[in-house]
C-alpha atoms as a PDB file:
ATOM      1  CA  MET A   1      -0.170  -0.036   0.089  1.00  0.00           C
ATOM      2  CA  SER A   2       1.873   3.481  -0.762  1.00  0.00           C
ATOM      3  CA  GLU A   3       1.936   5.830   1.686  1.00  0.00           C
ATOM      4  CA  GLY A   4      -0.627   8.517   0.042  1.00  0.00           C
ATOM      5  CA  THR A   5      -3.157   5.758   0.469  1.00  0.00           C
ATOM      6  CA  MET A   6      -2.216   5.395   3.957  1.00  0.00           C
ATOM      7  CA  GLN A   7      -2.191   9.123   4.786  1.00  0.00           C
ATOM      8  CA  ARG A   8      -5.856   9.232   3.077  1.00  0.00           C
ATOM      9  CA  ARG A   9      -7.309   6.497   5.709  1.00  0.00           C
ATOM     10  CA  GLU A  10      -5.619   8.046   8.753  1.00  0.00           C
ATOM     11  CA  GLN A  11      -7.205  11.659   8.198  1.00  0.00           C
ATOM     12  CA  PRO A  12     -10.854  10.805   8.978  1.00  0.00           C
ATOM     13  CA  GLU A  13     -10.213   9.022  11.990  1.00  0.00           C
ATOM     14  CA  ARG A  14      -8.163  11.640  13.281  1.00  0.00           C
ATOM     15  CA  ALA A  15     -11.019  14.002  12.563  1.00  0.00           C
ATOM     16  CA  LYS A  16     -13.398  11.953  14.139  1.00  0.00           C
ATOM     17  CA  ARG A  17     -11.131  12.035  17.240  1.00  0.00           C
ATOM     18  CA  LEU A  18     -10.780  15.358  17.155  1.00  0.00           C
ATOM     19  CA  THR A  19     -14.630  15.762  17.001  1.00  0.00           C
ATOM     20  CA  ARG A  20     -15.059  13.824  20.217  1.00  0.00           C
ATOM     21  CA  VAL A  21     -12.393  15.762  22.264  1.00  0.00           C
ATOM     22  CA  LEU A  22     -14.005  19.292  21.266  1.00  0.00           C
ATOM     23  CA  VAL A  23     -17.488  18.066  22.011  1.00  0.00           C
ATOM     24  CA  CYS A  24     -16.423  16.883  25.593  1.00  0.00           C
ATOM     25  CA  ALA A  25     -14.498  20.058  26.100  1.00  0.00           C
ATOM     26  CA  ALA A  26     -17.520  22.082  25.381  1.00  0.00           C
ATOM     27  CA  ALA A  27     -19.595  20.189  27.782  1.00  0.00           C
ATOM     28  CA  VAL A  28     -17.896  20.513  30.968  1.00  0.00           C
ATOM     29  CA  PRO A  29     -18.071  24.371  31.549  1.00  0.00           C
ATOM     30  CA  VAL A  30     -21.842  23.984  30.989  1.00  0.00           C
ATOM     31  CA  MET A  31     -22.067  21.342  33.674  1.00  0.00           C
ATOM     32  CA  LEU A  32     -19.733  23.535  36.020  1.00  0.00           C
ATOM     33  CA  VAL A  33     -22.240  26.403  35.258  1.00  0.00           C
ATOM     34  CA  ALA A  34     -24.992  24.847  36.439  1.00  0.00           C
ATOM     35  CA  ALA A  35     -23.677  22.963  39.573  1.00  0.00           C
ATOM     36  CA  GLY A  36     -22.853  26.386  40.693  1.00  0.00           C
ATOM     37  CA  CYS A  37     -26.117  28.201  40.045  1.00  0.00           C
ATOM     38  CA  SER A  38     -27.298  25.292  42.090  1.00  0.00           C
ATOM     39  CA  SER A  39     -24.870  25.515  45.253  1.00  0.00           C
ATOM     40  CA  ASP A  40     -25.346  29.369  45.053  1.00  0.00           C
ATOM     41  CA  SER A  41     -29.267  29.192  44.934  1.00  0.00           C
ATOM     42  CA  GLY A  42     -29.368  26.758  48.253  1.00  0.00           C
ATOM     43  CA  SER A  43     -26.878  29.014  49.961  1.00  0.00           C
ATOM     44  CA  ASP A  44     -29.169  32.289  49.727  1.00  0.00           C
ATOM     45  CA  ASP A  45     -32.231  30.269  50.604  1.00  0.00           C
ATOM     46  CA  GLY A  46     -30.886  28.936  53.665  1.00  0.00           C
ATOM     47  CA  ASP A  47     -28.887  31.970  55.070  1.00  0.00           C
ATOM     48  CA  GLY A  48     -32.064  34.215  54.496  1.00  0.00           C
ATOM     49  CA  GLY A  49     -34.432  31.698  56.248  1.00  0.00           C
ATOM     50  CA  GLY A  50     -32.640  31.307  59.223  1.00  0.00           C
ATOM     51  CA  LYS A  51     -31.540  35.199  59.750  1.00  0.00           C
ATOM     52  CA  ALA A  52     -35.611  36.047  59.209  1.00  0.00           C
ATOM     53  CA  ALA A  53     -36.579  33.449  61.812  1.00  0.00           C
ATOM     54  CA  SER A  54     -34.103  34.835  64.180  1.00  0.00           C
ATOM     55  CA  ALA A  55     -34.867  38.176  63.820  1.00  0.00           C
ATOM     56  CA  SER A  56     -38.917  37.139  64.277  1.00  0.00           C
ATOM     57  CA  ALA A  57     -37.790  35.410  67.763  1.00  0.00           C
ATOM     58  CA  SER A  58     -35.916  38.411  69.134  1.00  0.00           C
ATOM     59  CA  ALA A  59     -38.626  40.651  68.209  1.00  0.00           C
ATOM     60  CA  SER A  60     -41.228  38.948  69.907  1.00  0.00           C
ATOM     61  CA  PRO A  61     -41.777  40.213  73.115  1.00  0.00           C
ATOM     62  CA  SER A  62     -42.032  38.028  76.498  1.00  0.00           C
ATOM     63  CA  PRO A  63     -45.878  38.094  77.529  1.00  0.00           C
ATOM     64  CA  THR A  64     -46.520  39.654  81.311  1.00  0.00           C
ATOM     65  CA  VAL A  65     -49.649  39.887  83.196  1.00  0.00           C
ATOM     66  CA  GLN A  66     -50.062  41.606  86.673  1.00  0.00           C
ATOM     67  CA  ALA A  67     -49.040  39.438  89.460  1.00  0.00           C
ATOM     68  CA  ALA A  68     -51.130  38.242  92.110  1.00  0.00           C
ATOM     69  CA  ALA A  69     -52.125  40.607  94.844  1.00  0.00           C
ATOM     70  CA  TYR A  70     -51.967  38.099  97.739  1.00  0.00           C
ATOM     71  CA  ARG A  71     -49.094  35.761  98.029  1.00  0.00           C
ATOM     72  CA  THR A  72     -49.871  32.890 100.717  1.00  0.00           C
ATOM     73  CA  LEU A  73     -52.797  31.822 102.928  1.00  0.00           C
ATOM     74  CA  PRO A  74     -53.232  31.897 106.492  1.00  0.00           C
ATOM     75  CA  GLU A  75     -53.370  28.498 108.667  1.00  0.00           C
ATOM     76  CA  ALA A  76     -56.668  27.529 108.012  1.00  0.00           C
ATOM     77  CA  CYS A  77     -57.452  26.093 111.311  1.00  0.00           C
ATOM     78  CA  GLY A  78     -56.731  29.615 112.588  1.00  0.00           C
ATOM     79  CA  VAL A  79     -58.653  31.894 110.703  1.00  0.00           C
ATOM     80  CA  LEU A  80     -61.568  32.197 113.453  1.00  0.00           C
ATOM     81  CA  THR A  81     -61.070  33.615 116.826  1.00  0.00           C
ATOM     82  CA  LYS A  82     -61.696  31.035 119.882  1.00  0.00           C
ATOM     83  CA  LYS A  83     -64.476  33.474 120.867  1.00  0.00           C
ATOM     84  CA  THR A  84     -66.327  32.487 117.523  1.00  0.00           C
ATOM     85  CA  LEU A  85     -65.475  28.987 117.701  1.00  0.00           C
ATOM     86  CA  LYS A  86     -66.971  28.793 120.720  1.00  0.00           C
ATOM     87  CA  GLU A  87     -70.006  30.451 120.041  1.00  0.00           C
ATOM     88  CA  LEU A  88     -70.432  28.078 116.450  1.00  0.00           C
ATOM     89  CA  ALA A  89     -69.118  24.962 117.497  1.00  0.00           C
ATOM     90  CA  PRO A  90     -69.220  25.092 121.321  1.00  0.00           C
ATOM     91  CA  LYS A  91     -68.200  21.167 121.979  1.00  0.00           C
ATOM     92  CA  ALA A  92     -65.435  21.235 119.297  1.00  0.00           C
ATOM     93  CA  LYS A  93     -62.130  19.975 120.776  1.00  0.00           C
ATOM     94  CA  SER A  94     -59.947  21.266 117.645  1.00  0.00           C
ATOM     95  CA  GLY A  95     -60.239  21.862 114.045  1.00  0.00           C
ATOM     96  CA  LYS A  96     -59.624  19.281 111.643  1.00  0.00           C
ATOM     97  CA  GLU A  97     -56.814  20.298 108.875  1.00  0.00           C
ATOM     98  CA  GLY A  98     -57.779  18.979 105.068  1.00  0.00           C
ATOM     99  CA  SER A  99     -55.095  17.411 103.242  1.00  0.00           C
ATOM    100  CA  SER A 100     -53.257  19.669 100.774  1.00  0.00           C
ATOM    101  CA  ASP A 101     -50.018  19.482  98.868  1.00  0.00           C
ATOM    102  CA  ASP A 102     -49.383  23.440  98.741  1.00  0.00           C
ATOM    103  CA  VAL A 103     -50.949  25.000 102.084  1.00  0.00           C
ATOM    104  CA  ALA A 104     -50.092  28.494 100.541  1.00  0.00           C
ATOM    105  CA  SER A 105     -52.338  27.763  97.660  1.00  0.00           C
ATOM    106  CA  ARG A 106     -55.207  25.483  99.428  1.00  0.00           C
ATOM    107  CA  ALA A 107     -56.254  24.760 102.707  1.00  0.00           C
ATOM    108  CA  SER A 108     -59.476  24.154 104.663  1.00  0.00           C
ATOM    109  CA  CYS A 109     -59.980  23.244 108.667  1.00  0.00           C
ATOM    110  CA  SER A 110     -63.338  21.800 109.910  1.00  0.00           C
ATOM    111  CA  TRP A 111     -65.132  21.635 113.242  1.00  0.00           C
ATOM    112  CA  SER A 112     -67.458  19.294 114.413  1.00  0.00           C
ATOM    113  CA  SER A 113     -69.643  19.947 117.598  1.00  0.00           C
ATOM    114  CA  LEU A 114     -71.977  17.611 119.486  1.00  0.00           C
ATOM    115  CA  ASP A 115     -73.923  18.495 122.609  1.00  0.00           C
ATOM    116  CA  ASN A 116     -75.494  15.305 123.671  1.00  0.00           C
ATOM    117  CA  ASN A 117     -78.361  16.094 126.437  1.00  0.00           C
ATOM    118  CA  GLY A 118     -79.213  12.518 126.604  1.00  0.00           C
ATOM    119  CA  VAL A 119     -82.716  11.422 126.314  1.00  0.00           C
ATOM    120  CA  LYS A 120     -83.315  15.225 125.725  1.00  0.00           C
ATOM    121  CA  GLY A 121     -81.697  14.830 122.510  1.00  0.00           C
ATOM    122  CA  SER A 122     -78.782  16.700 121.036  1.00  0.00           C
ATOM    123  CA  GLN A 123     -77.695  19.735 119.117  1.00  0.00           C
ATOM    124  CA  PHE A 124     -75.435  19.239 116.359  1.00  0.00           C
ATOM    125  CA  ARG A 125     -72.928  21.852 114.733  1.00  0.00           C
ATOM    126  CA  TRP A 126     -70.600  21.320 111.513  1.00  0.00           C
ATOM    127  CA  LEU A 127     -68.367  24.242 110.465  1.00  0.00           C
ATOM    128  CA  ASN A 128     -66.144  24.226 107.810  1.00  0.00           C
ATOM    129  CA  VAL A 129     -63.967  26.724 105.919  1.00  0.00           C
ATOM    130  CA  SER A 130     -62.117  26.284 102.707  1.00  0.00           C
ATOM    131  CA  LEU A 131     -59.263  28.830 100.965  1.00  0.00           C
ATOM    132  CA  LEU A 132     -58.507  28.628  97.565  1.00  0.00           C
ATOM    133  CA  ARG A 133     -55.765  31.232  96.240  1.00  0.00           C
ATOM    134  CA  PHE A 134     -55.027  31.454  92.275  1.00  0.00           C
ATOM    135  CA  GLU A 135     -51.703  32.775  90.715  1.00  0.00           C
ATOM    136  CA  SER A 136     -51.735  35.015  87.770  1.00  0.00           C
ATOM    137  CA  ASP A 137     -51.001  33.082  84.806  1.00  0.00           C
ATOM    138  CA  THR A 138     -49.822  34.212  81.126  1.00  0.00           C
ATOM    139  CA  THR A 139     -52.280  32.154  79.346  1.00  0.00           C
ATOM    140  CA  ARG A 140     -55.150  31.991  81.843  1.00  0.00           C
ATOM    141  CA  GLY A 141     -54.797  35.768  83.000  1.00  0.00           C
ATOM    142  CA  PRO A 142     -54.593  37.373  86.337  1.00  0.00           C
ATOM    143  CA  GLY A 143     -55.033  35.828  89.908  1.00  0.00           C
ATOM    144  CA  ASP A 144     -57.834  38.100  90.605  1.00  0.00           C
ATOM    145  CA  LYS A 145     -59.837  37.106  87.439  1.00  0.00           C
ATOM    146  CA  LEU A 146     -59.168  33.292  87.753  1.00  0.00           C
ATOM    147  CA  ALA A 147     -60.549  33.924  91.338  1.00  0.00           C
ATOM    148  CA  GLU A 148     -63.755  35.862  90.458  1.00  0.00           C
ATOM    149  CA  GLU A 149     -64.297  33.092  87.643  1.00  0.00           C
ATOM    150  CA  TYR A 150     -64.055  30.211  90.376  1.00  0.00           C
ATOM    151  CA  TYR A 151     -65.952  32.457  92.579  1.00  0.00           C
ATOM    152  CA  ASP A 152     -69.000  32.593  90.497  1.00  0.00           C
ATOM    153  CA  LYS A 153     -68.858  28.591  89.573  1.00  0.00           C
ATOM    154  CA  GLN A 154     -68.764  28.019  93.314  1.00  0.00           C
ATOM    155  CA  VAL A 155     -72.055  30.176  93.982  1.00  0.00           C
ATOM    156  CA  ARG A 156     -74.134  28.417  91.125  1.00  0.00           C
ATOM    157  CA  GLU A 157     -72.757  25.142  92.624  1.00  0.00           C
ATOM    158  CA  VAL A 158     -74.009  25.488  96.322  1.00  0.00           C
ATOM    159  CA  ARG A 159     -77.138  26.936  94.681  1.00  0.00           C
ATOM    160  CA  ALA A 160     -77.884  23.643  92.713  1.00  0.00           C
ATOM    161  CA  THR A 161     -77.389  21.471  95.633  1.00  0.00           C
ATOM    162  CA  PRO A 162     -78.959  18.095  95.192  1.00  0.00           C
ATOM    163  CA  GLY A 163     -82.113  17.672  97.510  1.00  0.00           C
ATOM    164  CA  ALA A 164     -82.034  21.666  98.620  1.00  0.00           C
ATOM    165  CA  LYS A 165     -85.360  22.866 100.192  1.00  0.00           C
ATOM    166  CA  SER A 166     -86.301  26.248 100.498  1.00  0.00           C
ATOM    167  CA  LEU A 167     -83.355  27.718  99.239  1.00  0.00           C
ATOM    168  CA  SER A 168     -82.542  31.639  98.982  1.00  0.00           C
ATOM    169  CA  ALA A 169     -79.232  33.735  98.111  1.00  0.00           C
ATOM    170  CA  GLN A 170     -78.192  36.919  99.074  1.00  0.00           C
ATOM    171  CA  ALA A 171     -75.672  39.167  98.046  1.00  0.00           C
ATOM    172  CA  LEU A 172     -73.527  40.478 101.206  1.00  0.00           C
ATOM    173  CA  THR A 173     -71.283  43.854 101.646  1.00  0.00           C
ATOM    174  CA  GLY A 174     -68.256  44.319 103.735  1.00  0.00           C
ATOM    175  CA  THR A 175     -66.861  40.712 103.104  1.00  0.00           C
ATOM    176  CA  GLY A 176     -64.281  41.065 100.568  1.00  0.00           C
ATOM    177  CA  ASP A 177     -64.655  42.505  97.279  1.00  0.00           C
ATOM    178  CA  GLU A 178     -67.538  40.263  96.559  1.00  0.00           C
ATOM    179  CA  ALA A 179     -69.561  37.592  98.894  1.00  0.00           C
ATOM    180  CA  THR A 180     -73.008  35.864  98.649  1.00  0.00           C
ATOM    181  CA  ALA A 181     -74.836  33.969 101.188  1.00  0.00           C
ATOM    182  CA  VAL A 182     -77.135  30.733 100.382  1.00  0.00           C
ATOM    183  CA  ARG A 183     -79.391  28.830 103.046  1.00  0.00           C
ATOM    184  CA  TYR A 184     -81.403  25.962 102.708  1.00  0.00           C
ATOM    185  CA  ASP A 185     -82.744  22.830 104.496  1.00  0.00           C
ATOM    186  CA  LEU A 186     -81.479  19.219 103.843  1.00  0.00           C
ATOM    187  CA  LYS A 187     -83.343  16.279 105.082  1.00  0.00           C
ATOM    188  CA  LYS A 188     -81.331  13.355 105.890  1.00  0.00           C
ATOM    189  CA  LYS A 189     -81.981  10.160 108.311  1.00  0.00           C
ATOM    190  CA  GLU A 190     -80.569  11.968 111.530  1.00  0.00           C
ATOM    191  CA  GLY A 191     -82.697  14.826 110.789  1.00  0.00           C
ATOM    192  CA  THR A 192     -83.384  18.249 108.995  1.00  0.00           C
ATOM    193  CA  PHE A 193     -80.155  20.146 108.628  1.00  0.00           C
ATOM    194  CA  LYS A 194     -80.048  23.848 108.065  1.00  0.00           C
ATOM    195  CA  GLN A 195     -77.251  24.670 106.088  1.00  0.00           C
ATOM    196  CA  GLN A 196     -75.618  28.345 105.525  1.00  0.00           C
ATOM    197  CA  THR A 197     -72.749  28.978 102.882  1.00  0.00           C
ATOM    198  CA  VAL A 198     -71.128  31.590 102.638  1.00  0.00           C
ATOM    199  CA  VAL A 199     -68.962  32.283  99.539  1.00  0.00           C
ATOM    200  CA  ALA A 200     -66.336  35.632  99.434  1.00  0.00           C
ATOM    201  CA  ARG A 201     -63.677  36.528  96.995  1.00  0.00           C
ATOM    202  CA  VAL A 202     -60.765  38.798  97.967  1.00  0.00           C
ATOM    203  CA  GLU A 203     -58.439  39.740  95.455  1.00  0.00           C
ATOM    204  CA  ASN A 204     -56.981  36.446  94.450  1.00  0.00           C
ATOM    205  CA  VAL A 205     -58.435  34.118  97.149  1.00  0.00           C
ATOM    206  CA  VAL A 206     -61.864  32.644  97.530  1.00  0.00           C
ATOM    207  CA  VAL A 207     -63.001  31.628 100.901  1.00  0.00           C
ATOM    208  CA  THR A 208     -65.988  29.050 101.046  1.00  0.00           C
ATOM    209  CA  LEU A 209     -67.396  28.841 104.690  1.00  0.00           C
ATOM    210  CA  ASP A 210     -70.006  26.005 105.576  1.00  0.00           C
ATOM    211  CA  TYR A 211     -72.050  26.086 108.618  1.00  0.00           C
ATOM    212  CA  ASN A 212     -74.705  23.833 109.201  1.00  0.00           C
ATOM    213  CA  GLY A 213     -76.806  22.834 112.207  1.00  0.00           C
ATOM    214  CA  ALA A 214     -79.883  20.165 113.389  1.00  0.00           C
ATOM    215  CA  GLY A 215     -81.748  18.766 116.173  1.00  0.00           C
ATOM    216  CA  LEU A 216     -80.959  15.587 116.785  1.00  0.00           C
ATOM    217  CA  ALA A 217     -82.839  12.655 118.630  1.00  0.00           C
ATOM    218  CA  GLY A 218     -86.098  14.821 119.192  1.00  0.00           C
ATOM    219  CA  ASP A 219     -83.796  17.888 119.793  1.00  0.00           C
ATOM    220  CA  LYS A 220     -85.608  21.280 118.034  1.00  0.00           C
ATOM    221  CA  THR A 221     -84.552  22.499 114.675  1.00  0.00           C
ATOM    222  CA  PRO A 222     -81.645  25.454 115.516  1.00  0.00           C
ATOM    223  CA  ASP A 223     -83.236  28.755 114.526  1.00  0.00           C
ATOM    224  CA  ALA A 224     -82.106  29.266 110.472  1.00  0.00           C
ATOM    225  CA  ASP A 225     -81.718  33.267 111.085  1.00  0.00           C
ATOM    226  CA  ALA A 226     -79.649  32.979 114.200  1.00  0.00           C
ATOM    227  CA  LEU A 227     -76.882  30.203 112.221  1.00  0.00           C
ATOM    228  CA  MET A 228     -77.047  32.739 109.086  1.00  0.00           C
ATOM    229  CA  ALA A 229     -75.984  35.575 111.166  1.00  0.00           C
ATOM    230  CA  ASP A 230     -73.043  33.623 112.817  1.00  0.00           C
ATOM    231  CA  ALA A 231     -72.000  32.428 109.295  1.00  0.00           C
ATOM    232  CA  LYS A 232     -71.878  35.841 108.193  1.00  0.00           C
ATOM    233  CA  LYS A 233     -69.551  36.910 111.323  1.00  0.00           C
ATOM    234  CA  ALA A 234     -67.287  33.697 110.635  1.00  0.00           C
ATOM    235  CA  ALA A 235     -66.724  34.575 106.888  1.00  0.00           C
ATOM    236  CA  LYS A 236     -65.910  38.237 107.847  1.00  0.00           C
ATOM    237  CA  GLU A 237     -63.111  36.838 110.093  1.00  0.00           C
ATOM    238  CA  ALA A 238     -61.836  34.417 107.362  1.00  0.00           C
ATOM    239  CA  VAL A 239     -61.726  37.086 104.761  1.00  0.00           C
ATOM    240  CA  LEU A 240     -59.783  39.311 107.232  1.00  0.00           C
ATOM    241  CA  SER A 241     -57.429  36.843 108.387  1.00  0.00           C
ATOM    242  CA  VAL A 242     -56.852  36.372 104.527  1.00  0.00           C
ATOM    243  CA  THR A 243     -55.841  40.030 104.300  1.00  0.00           C
ATOM    244  CA  ARG A 244     -53.655  40.201 107.398  1.00  0.00           C
ATOM    245  CA  ALA A 245     -51.546  37.212 106.606  1.00  0.00           C
ATOM    246  CA  ASN A 246     -50.254  38.854 103.237  1.00  0.00           C
ATOM    247  CA  GLY A 247     -49.388  42.289 105.363  1.00  0.00           C
ATOM    248  CA  PRO A 248     -50.386  45.873 104.084  1.00  0.00           C
ATOM    249  CA  GLY A 249     -49.979  46.760 100.643  1.00  0.00           C
ATOM    250  CA  ALA A 250     -50.228  43.441  99.599  1.00  0.00           C
ATOM    251  CA  ALA A 251     -53.662  44.112  97.292  1.00  0.00           C
ATOM    252  CA  SER A 252     -51.550  46.562  95.262  1.00  0.00           C
ATOM    253  CA  GLY A 253     -49.522  43.632  93.614  1.00  0.00           C
ATOM    254  CA  SER A 254     -46.790  44.420  91.181  1.00  0.00           C
ATOM    255  CA  PRO A 255     -47.320  45.865  87.922  1.00  0.00           C
ATOM    256  CA  SER A 256     -46.370  43.782  84.452  1.00  0.00           C
ATOM    257  CA  ALA A 257     -44.900  40.440  86.420  1.00  0.00           C
ATOM    258  CA  PRO A 258     -44.622  36.959  84.580  1.00  0.00           C
ATOM    259  CA  ALA A 259     -46.405  34.610  86.638  1.00  0.00           C
ATOM    260  CA  SER A 260     -47.048  30.684  86.889  1.00  0.00           C
ATOM    261  CA  GLY A 261     -49.923  28.202  87.290  1.00  0.00           C
ATOM    262  CA  ALA A 262     -52.978  28.262  89.325  1.00  0.00           C
ATOM    263  CA  PRO A 263     -55.018  25.878  91.189  1.00  0.00           C
ATOM    264  CA  SER A 264     -57.909  24.312  89.392  1.00  0.00           C
ATOM    265  CA  ALA A 265     -60.057  22.295  92.124  1.00  0.00           C
ATOM    266  CA  SER A 266     -61.935  23.493  95.119  1.00  0.00           C
ATOM    267  CA  ALA A 267     -60.965  22.525  98.422  1.00  0.00           C
ATOM    268  CA  SER A 268     -64.187  22.412 100.245  1.00  0.00           C
ATOM    269  CA  GLY A 269     -66.617  20.285 101.503  1.00  0.00           C
ATOM    270  CA  LYS A 270     -69.910  19.721 103.005  1.00  0.00           C
ATOM    271  CA  SER A 271     -71.722  17.788 105.905  1.00  0.00           C
END
C-alpha cells in the first residue's frame, strides 16, 4: 500500500477523534456553570430563612401579666377566733385540717360539735372553712380574674345542691370584694339540717364557709336566721385573716410581672 493511500485513511480517523474531544471540552463548562448556580441558590435560601426566623424570634416580646395581690394563705385552722369557734361549735375540741400539697394555695379546716343531752336530744353543729388562692398566669390571666371565675362557679354549685329545700341566696357587703350567702334545708336520716354557705372573694383568694346545724334525737331544729348570722360573722373573720396574712399594701400587686399556674380544684367540703 502506498504512503499516500495510508495518509488518506488516517485523516478521517483523526477528524473523528478531534470532534469527540471538542464535544467533551464544550460540555464541561456547561456542567460546572449549572452546578455553581444550584449551589449559590441553596446557600442564599438557607441563610435568608435563618436570619428572618432569628429576627422574628428576637422581636417577639415576652408575655407578662399583673402579679396576684396575695401570695400566701393563713393557717386554715387559725382563721377564726376562739370566741367565734366557741359560739359556732361549742363542743369542738379542735379543728381538723384538710389535706393539701400546697397550703399556700389551698387549705381547709373543719370543726364538729355535738352537744349531747341524752334523752332530751342533741344539738349538732358542723363548720368548715376552705381557702383557695389563684396565681396569675400568662395564658389564663390575672389571679383576681381567675378567682372571680371560680367564685361565680362556686356560688352556682351551692345553689344547685341536690335535695336542697327552701333555698335562698343574697349578696353580702363588707365581706371581701364580693360575697354571696346561700341557705337551705337538707333532710337526712338523722333529721333536718339547716345549711348556711357563704362564698366570698378577696383579690385572688376565694373563701367558702359552710355552717350547718340540726336537732337530733328529738331535739328542736336550730333557728336558721341565727345560724346565718353566725356564718356571716365567721366569713368576715376568715376574709380578714387572709388580708392580714399578706401584710399591708399586699393588694397593690406588682405591675407587669410574669406568673405561673393556678389551682383548678376546690378544697371545700360539706357535711
